Amino acid sequence: MKAFLVTCLKVLLVLALAITIVHVWPVMLVPLIAGLLPVFGLGCLLLAGLMIAGAVGLGLLVGLTAVAIALLALFSPVWIPLAVILGILWLVKRLCGAGHRSPATV
């Protein structure tokens, strides 16, 4: 009889604990939510900052590329003939250099 009463007492204790948890769980979530909201807000601010920095960086990259292309187009009457002349000189120097062996001597 004593074991039965102890078992009933344990079941009633578990039942009371379960009812208490079911009724109090919204109150127990308040500190959790209050702690997570600032973290979520800081995460959103960090993401917004990264997006702004990425947009500014991409804008700078596009702007610098446009400036480089404009400078290349502006100086093309100078650097294209210069590149051709230097290429011809490099080719002649390489073909007539001292380290070059002709195919007949190999």
N, C-alpha and C. Protein backbone atom coordinates (compact mmCIF):
# COMPACT_ATOMS: atom_id res chain seq x y z
N MET A 1 0.82 -1.18 0.00
CA MET A 1 0.00 0.00 0.00
C MET A 1 0.87 1.26 0.00
N LYS A 2 1.99 1.19 0.73
CA LYS A 2 2.87 2.34 0.81
C LYS A 2 3.50 2.62 -0.55
N ALA A 3 3.88 1.59 -1.29
CA ALA A 3 4.48 1.77 -2.62
C ALA A 3 3.47 2.39 -3.59
N PHE A 4 2.21 2.01 -3.48
CA PHE A 4 1.18 2.57 -4.33
C PHE A 4 1.02 4.06 -4.07
N LEU A 5 1.03 4.46 -2.79
CA LEU A 5 0.90 5.87 -2.45
C LEU A 5 2.11 6.68 -2.94
N VAL A 6 3.28 6.09 -2.84
CA VAL A 6 4.49 6.78 -3.32
C VAL A 6 4.42 6.95 -4.84
N THR A 7 3.96 5.92 -5.55
CA THR A 7 3.83 6.00 -7.00
C THR A 7 2.79 7.05 -7.38
N CYS A 8 1.65 7.08 -6.69
CA CYS A 8 0.62 8.08 -6.96
C CYS A 8 1.16 9.49 -6.69
N LEU A 9 1.93 9.63 -5.63
CA LEU A 9 2.51 10.93 -5.30
C LEU A 9 3.49 11.38 -6.40
N LYS A 10 4.29 10.46 -6.90
CA LYS A 10 5.22 10.78 -7.99
C LYS A 10 4.46 11.18 -9.26
N VAL A 11 3.39 10.46 -9.59
CA VAL A 11 2.60 10.78 -10.78
C VAL A 11 1.95 12.15 -10.61
N LEU A 12 1.40 12.45 -9.44
CA LEU A 12 0.80 13.76 -9.20
C LEU A 12 1.84 14.88 -9.26
N LEU A 13 3.04 14.61 -8.78
CA LEU A 13 4.11 15.59 -8.83
C LEU A 13 4.52 15.89 -10.28
N VAL A 14 4.66 14.83 -11.09
CA VAL A 14 5.00 15.02 -12.51
C VAL A 14 3.87 15.75 -13.22
N LEU A 15 2.62 15.41 -12.92
CA LEU A 15 1.47 16.08 -13.53
C LEU A 15 1.43 17.55 -13.14
N ALA A 16 1.68 17.87 -11.87
CA ALA A 16 1.69 19.26 -11.42
C ALA A 16 2.83 20.03 -12.10
N LEU A 17 3.98 19.39 -12.24
CA LEU A 17 5.10 20.03 -12.91
C LEU A 17 4.79 20.29 -14.39
N ALA A 18 4.16 19.32 -15.05
CA ALA A 18 3.80 19.48 -16.46
C ALA A 18 2.79 20.61 -16.63
N ILE A 19 1.79 20.68 -15.76
CA ILE A 19 0.79 21.75 -15.85
C ILE A 19 1.44 23.11 -15.61
N THR A 20 2.34 23.17 -14.65
CA THR A 20 3.04 24.42 -14.36
C THR A 20 3.88 24.87 -15.57
N ILE A 21 4.57 23.93 -16.19
CA ILE A 21 5.40 24.27 -17.35
C ILE A 21 4.53 24.75 -18.50
N VAL A 22 3.39 24.08 -18.73
CA VAL A 22 2.51 24.48 -19.83
C VAL A 22 1.94 25.87 -19.60
N HIS A 23 1.62 26.21 -18.37
CA HIS A 23 1.03 27.50 -18.08
C HIS A 23 2.07 28.61 -18.00
N VAL A 24 3.31 28.29 -17.71
CA VAL A 24 4.32 29.32 -17.47
C VAL A 24 5.29 29.46 -18.65
N TRP A 25 5.23 28.60 -19.67
CA TRP A 25 6.23 28.64 -20.73
C TRP A 25 6.28 29.96 -21.48
N PRO A 26 5.15 30.69 -21.67
CA PRO A 26 5.31 32.00 -22.33
C PRO A 26 6.14 32.98 -21.51
N VAL A 27 5.99 32.91 -20.20
CA VAL A 27 6.77 33.79 -19.33
C VAL A 27 8.25 33.39 -19.35
N MET A 28 8.52 32.10 -19.49
CA MET A 28 9.90 31.64 -19.55
C MET A 28 10.56 32.02 -20.88
N LEU A 29 9.77 32.25 -21.94
CA LEU A 29 10.32 32.62 -23.23
C LEU A 29 10.69 34.10 -23.31
N VAL A 30 10.14 34.91 -22.43
CA VAL A 30 10.38 36.35 -22.48
C VAL A 30 11.87 36.67 -22.35
N PRO A 31 12.61 36.12 -21.37
CA PRO A 31 14.05 36.44 -21.31
C PRO A 31 14.81 35.95 -22.55
N LEU A 32 14.39 34.82 -23.09
CA LEU A 32 15.05 34.29 -24.28
C LEU A 32 14.84 35.23 -25.47
N ILE A 33 13.60 35.67 -25.66
CA ILE A 33 13.29 36.57 -26.77
C ILE A 33 13.96 37.93 -26.53
N ALA A 34 13.94 38.41 -25.29
CA ALA A 34 14.57 39.69 -24.98
C ALA A 34 16.08 39.62 -25.21
N GLY A 35 16.67 38.47 -25.04
CA GLY A 35 18.10 38.32 -25.29
C GLY A 35 18.42 38.16 -26.77
N LEU A 36 17.51 37.55 -27.53
CA LEU A 36 17.78 37.31 -28.95
C LEU A 36 17.47 38.50 -29.84
N LEU A 37 16.55 39.37 -29.42
CA LEU A 37 16.20 40.52 -30.25
C LEU A 37 17.38 41.46 -30.49
N PRO A 38 18.17 41.82 -29.47
CA PRO A 38 19.33 42.66 -29.76
C PRO A 38 20.35 41.97 -30.67
N VAL A 39 20.53 40.68 -30.51
CA VAL A 39 21.46 39.95 -31.37
C VAL A 39 20.96 39.96 -32.81
N PHE A 40 19.67 39.78 -32.99
CA PHE A 40 19.09 39.83 -34.33
C PHE A 40 19.23 41.22 -34.93
N GLY A 41 18.99 42.25 -34.13
CA GLY A 41 19.14 43.64 -34.60
C GLY A 41 20.58 43.94 -35.00
N LEU A 42 21.54 43.50 -34.18
CA LEU A 42 22.94 43.72 -34.52
C LEU A 42 23.33 42.95 -35.77
N GLY A 43 22.78 41.76 -35.94
CA GLY A 43 23.06 40.99 -37.16
C GLY A 43 22.52 41.69 -38.39
N CYS A 44 21.33 42.27 -38.28
CA CYS A 44 20.76 43.02 -39.42
C CYS A 44 21.60 44.25 -39.74
N LEU A 45 22.07 44.96 -38.70
CA LEU A 45 22.92 46.13 -38.93
C LEU A 45 24.25 45.72 -39.58
N LEU A 46 24.82 44.61 -39.13
CA LEU A 46 26.06 44.13 -39.72
C LEU A 46 25.86 43.75 -41.18
N LEU A 47 24.78 43.08 -41.47
CA LEU A 47 24.49 42.70 -42.86
C LEU A 47 24.27 43.93 -43.73
N ALA A 48 23.56 44.92 -43.21
CA ALA A 48 23.34 46.15 -43.97
C ALA A 48 24.66 46.87 -44.22
N GLY A 49 25.53 46.91 -43.21
CA GLY A 49 26.84 47.54 -43.39
C GLY A 49 27.68 46.82 -44.42
N LEU A 50 27.64 45.50 -44.41
CA LEU A 50 28.40 44.74 -45.40
C LEU A 50 27.85 44.97 -46.81
N MET A 51 26.54 45.07 -46.93
CA MET A 51 25.95 45.32 -48.25
C MET A 51 26.32 46.71 -48.75
N ILE A 52 26.32 47.70 -47.86
CA ILE A 52 26.69 49.06 -48.27
C ILE A 52 28.16 49.11 -48.67
N ALA A 53 29.02 48.46 -47.87
CA ALA A 53 30.44 48.44 -48.21
C ALA A 53 30.67 47.72 -49.54
N GLY A 54 29.95 46.65 -49.78
CA GLY A 54 30.08 45.93 -51.04
C GLY A 54 29.61 46.77 -52.21
N ALA A 55 28.52 47.50 -52.03
CA ALA A 55 28.02 48.36 -53.11
C ALA A 55 29.00 49.49 -53.40
N VAL A 56 29.56 50.09 -52.36
CA VAL A 56 30.54 51.16 -52.56
C VAL A 56 31.79 50.61 -53.25
N GLY A 57 32.26 49.46 -52.79
CA GLY A 57 33.43 48.84 -53.41
C GLY A 57 33.20 48.48 -54.86
N LEU A 58 32.03 47.94 -55.15
CA LEU A 58 31.71 47.59 -56.54
C LEU A 58 31.60 48.84 -57.40
N GLY A 59 31.03 49.90 -56.87
CA GLY A 59 30.95 51.16 -57.59
C GLY A 59 32.33 51.73 -57.88
N LEU A 60 33.22 51.66 -56.88
CA LEU A 60 34.59 52.12 -57.10
C LEU A 60 35.31 51.28 -58.15
N LEU A 61 35.10 49.98 -58.10
CA LEU A 61 35.72 49.10 -59.09
C LEU A 61 35.24 49.41 -60.50
N VAL A 62 33.95 49.62 -60.66
CA VAL A 62 33.40 49.96 -61.98
C VAL A 62 33.93 51.31 -62.43
N GLY A 63 33.98 52.28 -61.52
CA GLY A 63 34.49 53.61 -61.87
C GLY A 63 35.95 53.59 -62.28
N LEU A 64 36.78 52.86 -61.53
CA LEU A 64 38.20 52.78 -61.87
C LEU A 64 38.42 52.03 -63.18
N THR A 65 37.62 51.02 -63.44
CA THR A 65 37.72 50.30 -64.71
C THR A 65 37.34 51.22 -65.87
N ALA A 66 36.31 52.02 -65.69
CA ALA A 66 35.91 52.97 -66.74
C ALA A 66 37.00 54.00 -66.98
N VAL A 67 37.63 54.49 -65.92
CA VAL A 67 38.72 55.46 -66.07
C VAL A 67 39.90 54.81 -66.79
N ALA A 68 40.23 53.56 -66.45
CA ALA A 68 41.34 52.88 -67.12
C ALA A 68 41.04 52.67 -68.60
N ILE A 69 39.83 52.30 -68.93
CA ILE A 69 39.47 52.11 -70.34
C ILE A 69 39.50 53.45 -71.08
N ALA A 70 39.03 54.51 -70.42
CA ALA A 70 39.07 55.83 -71.05
C ALA A 70 40.50 56.28 -71.29
N LEU A 71 41.40 56.04 -70.32
CA LEU A 71 42.80 56.41 -70.51
C LEU A 71 43.45 55.59 -71.62
N LEU A 72 43.13 54.31 -71.68
CA LEU A 72 43.66 53.48 -72.76
C LEU A 72 43.18 53.97 -74.12
N ALA A 73 41.94 54.35 -74.20
CA ALA A 73 41.41 54.86 -75.47
C ALA A 73 42.01 56.22 -75.80
N LEU A 74 42.25 57.04 -74.78
CA LEU A 74 42.80 58.37 -74.99
C LEU A 74 44.24 58.30 -75.51
N PHE A 75 45.02 57.39 -74.94
CA PHE A 75 46.43 57.28 -75.30
C PHE A 75 46.69 56.20 -76.36
N SER A 76 45.66 55.68 -76.98
CA SER A 76 45.87 54.64 -77.99
C SER A 76 46.69 55.11 -79.19
N PRO A 77 46.62 56.37 -79.63
CA PRO A 77 47.50 56.78 -80.73
C PRO A 77 48.98 56.72 -80.35
N VAL A 78 49.28 56.68 -79.06
CA VAL A 78 50.67 56.62 -78.62
C VAL A 78 51.10 55.19 -78.34
N TRP A 79 50.32 54.45 -77.56
CA TRP A 79 50.82 53.17 -77.08
C TRP A 79 50.67 52.04 -78.09
N ILE A 80 49.73 52.12 -79.02
CA ILE A 80 49.60 51.03 -80.00
C ILE A 80 50.79 51.03 -80.97
N PRO A 81 51.17 52.16 -81.58
CA PRO A 81 52.37 52.12 -82.42
C PRO A 81 53.64 51.82 -81.63
N LEU A 82 53.70 52.32 -80.39
CA LEU A 82 54.86 52.03 -79.55
C LEU A 82 54.95 50.54 -79.25
N ALA A 83 53.83 49.90 -78.98
CA ALA A 83 53.82 48.45 -78.73
C ALA A 83 54.23 47.68 -79.97
N VAL A 84 53.81 48.13 -81.15
CA VAL A 84 54.19 47.46 -82.39
C VAL A 84 55.69 47.59 -82.62
N ILE A 85 56.23 48.80 -82.43
CA ILE A 85 57.67 49.02 -82.62
C ILE A 85 58.47 48.20 -81.62
N LEU A 86 58.08 48.21 -80.36
CA LEU A 86 58.80 47.42 -79.35
C LEU A 86 58.69 45.93 -79.63
N GLY A 87 57.57 45.48 -80.12
CA GLY A 87 57.42 44.06 -80.47
C GLY A 87 58.33 43.67 -81.62
N ILE A 88 58.43 44.53 -82.62
CA ILE A 88 59.32 44.23 -83.75
C ILE A 88 60.77 44.23 -83.29
N LEU A 89 61.14 45.22 -82.44
CA LEU A 89 62.52 45.26 -81.93
C LEU A 89 62.83 44.03 -81.09
N TRP A 90 61.90 43.61 -80.26
CA TRP A 90 62.12 42.43 -79.43
C TRP A 90 62.28 41.19 -80.30
N LEU A 91 61.49 41.08 -81.35
CA LEU A 91 61.57 39.94 -82.25
C LEU A 91 62.90 39.91 -83.01
N VAL A 92 63.33 41.08 -83.51
CA VAL A 92 64.61 41.15 -84.23
C VAL A 92 65.76 40.84 -83.28
N LYS A 93 65.71 41.39 -82.08
CA LYS A 93 66.78 41.13 -81.10
C LYS A 93 66.84 39.65 -80.76
N ARG A 94 65.72 39.03 -80.63
CA ARG A 94 65.69 37.61 -80.28
C ARG A 94 66.19 36.76 -81.44
N LEU A 95 65.82 37.12 -82.65
CA LEU A 95 66.26 36.33 -83.81
C LEU A 95 67.74 36.54 -84.12
N CYS A 96 68.26 37.73 -83.85
CA CYS A 96 69.65 38.03 -84.19
C CYS A 96 70.57 37.99 -82.98
N GLY A 97 70.09 37.53 -81.87
CA GLY A 97 70.89 37.54 -80.65
C GLY A 97 72.04 36.54 -80.70
N ALA A 98 73.02 36.71 -79.78
CA ALA A 98 74.20 35.86 -79.77
C ALA A 98 73.87 34.45 -79.31
N GLY A 99 72.86 34.31 -78.48
CA GLY A 99 72.52 32.99 -77.96
C GLY A 99 71.69 32.17 -78.92
N HIS A 100 71.40 32.70 -80.08
CA HIS A 100 70.53 32.00 -81.02
C HIS A 100 71.36 31.09 -81.93
N ARG A 101 70.95 29.85 -82.08
CA ARG A 101 71.59 28.91 -83.01
C ARG A 101 70.71 28.76 -84.22
N SER A 102 71.33 28.80 -85.34
CA SER A 102 70.55 28.58 -86.56
C SER A 102 70.28 27.10 -86.72
N PRO A 103 69.22 26.73 -87.41
CA PRO A 103 68.89 25.31 -87.56
C PRO A 103 69.97 24.56 -88.35
N ALA A 104 70.77 25.22 -89.15
CA ALA A 104 71.80 24.53 -89.95
C ALA A 104 72.93 24.03 -89.09
N THR A 105 73.23 24.70 -87.95
CA THR A 105 74.36 24.30 -87.11
C THR A 105 73.98 23.28 -86.06
N VAL A 106 72.74 22.98 -85.90
CA VAL A 106 72.31 22.04 -84.86
C VAL A 106 72.54 20.62 -85.26
